[in-house]
Amino acid sequence: MSNESDSKSRDENGAGIVFAVGIIAFFIVYWYFEIQSVRELLEMAYG
């Protein structure tokens, strides 16, 4: 019984870590492209 709960706990922790890393990676990519867009707009506005 203890072995099964340890395995389940490990699986849940692993899934949580993967989910958190995925969200962090998404926001890094999202903000990178947002910053690029703003730089392009500023470049068009001010030459």
C-alpha atoms as a PDB file:
ATOM      1  CA  MET A   1       0.000   0.000   0.000  1.00  0.00           C
ATOM      2  CA  SER A   2       2.771   2.423   0.923  1.00  0.00           C
ATOM      3  CA  ASN A   3       4.570   1.699  -2.327  1.00  0.00           C
ATOM      4  CA  GLU A   4       1.455   2.522  -4.345  1.00  0.00           C
ATOM      5  CA  SER A   5       0.881   5.833  -2.559  1.00  0.00           C
ATOM      6  CA  ASP A   6       4.548   6.792  -3.019  1.00  0.00           C
ATOM      7  CA  SER A   7       4.279   6.019  -6.716  1.00  0.00           C
ATOM      8  CA  LYS A   8       1.047   8.009  -7.051  1.00  0.00           C
ATOM      9  CA  SER A   9       2.545  10.940  -5.148  1.00  0.00           C
ATOM     10  CA  ARG A  10       5.611  10.866  -7.396  1.00  0.00           C
ATOM     11  CA  ASP A  11       3.420  10.803 -10.513  1.00  0.00           C
ATOM     12  CA  GLU A  12       1.359  13.750  -9.267  1.00  0.00           C
ATOM     13  CA  ASN A  13       4.476  15.745  -8.409  1.00  0.00           C
ATOM     14  CA  GLY A  14       5.981  14.973 -11.810  1.00  0.00           C
ATOM     15  CA  ALA A  15       2.827  16.024 -13.603  1.00  0.00           C
ATOM     16  CA  GLY A  16       2.710  19.243 -11.604  1.00  0.00           C
ATOM     17  CA  ILE A  17       6.320  20.042 -12.423  1.00  0.00           C
ATOM     18  CA  VAL A  18       5.803  19.349 -16.133  1.00  0.00           C
ATOM     19  CA  PHE A  19       2.674  21.517 -16.154  1.00  0.00           C
ATOM     20  CA  ALA A  20       4.439  24.392 -14.373  1.00  0.00           C
ATOM     21  CA  VAL A  21       7.447  24.236 -16.694  1.00  0.00           C
ATOM     22  CA  GLY A  22       5.119  24.223 -19.715  1.00  0.00           C
ATOM     23  CA  ILE A  23       3.303  27.331 -18.508  1.00  0.00           C
ATOM     24  CA  ILE A  24       6.567  29.126 -17.744  1.00  0.00           C
ATOM     25  CA  ALA A  25       7.949  28.246 -21.190  1.00  0.00           C
ATOM     26  CA  PHE A  26       4.740  29.471 -22.833  1.00  0.00           C
ATOM     27  CA  PHE A  27       4.946  32.831 -21.075  1.00  0.00           C
ATOM     28  CA  ILE A  28       8.640  33.234 -21.936  1.00  0.00           C
ATOM     29  CA  VAL A  29       7.893  32.660 -25.629  1.00  0.00           C
ATOM     30  CA  TYR A  30       4.776  34.863 -25.472  1.00  0.00           C
ATOM     31  CA  TRP A  31       6.603  37.814 -23.907  1.00  0.00           C
ATOM     32  CA  TYR A  32       9.546  37.401 -26.267  1.00  0.00           C
ATOM     33  CA  PHE A  33       7.260  37.869 -29.274  1.00  0.00           C
ATOM     34  CA  GLU A  34       5.372  40.712 -27.562  1.00  0.00           C
ATOM     35  CA  ILE A  35       8.641  42.568 -26.963  1.00  0.00           C
ATOM     36  CA  GLN A  36       9.711  41.963 -30.559  1.00  0.00           C
ATOM     37  CA  SER A  37       6.409  43.396 -31.770  1.00  0.00           C
ATOM     38  CA  VAL A  38       6.760  46.511 -29.628  1.00  0.00           C
ATOM     39  CA  ARG A  39      10.312  47.034 -30.870  1.00  0.00           C
ATOM     40  CA  GLU A  40       9.147  46.789 -34.472  1.00  0.00           C
ATOM     41  CA  LEU A  41       6.346  49.268 -33.837  1.00  0.00           C
ATOM     42  CA  LEU A  42       8.752  51.703 -32.178  1.00  0.00           C
ATOM     43  CA  GLU A  43      11.174  51.285 -35.067  1.00  0.00           C
ATOM     44  CA  MET A  44       8.399  52.120 -37.563  1.00  0.00           C
ATOM     45  CA  ALA A  45       7.268  55.106 -35.513  1.00  0.00           C
ATOM     46  CA  TYR A  46      10.678  56.675 -34.900  1.00  0.00           C
ATOM     47  CA  GLY A  47      12.722  55.283 -37.756  1.00  0.00           C
END
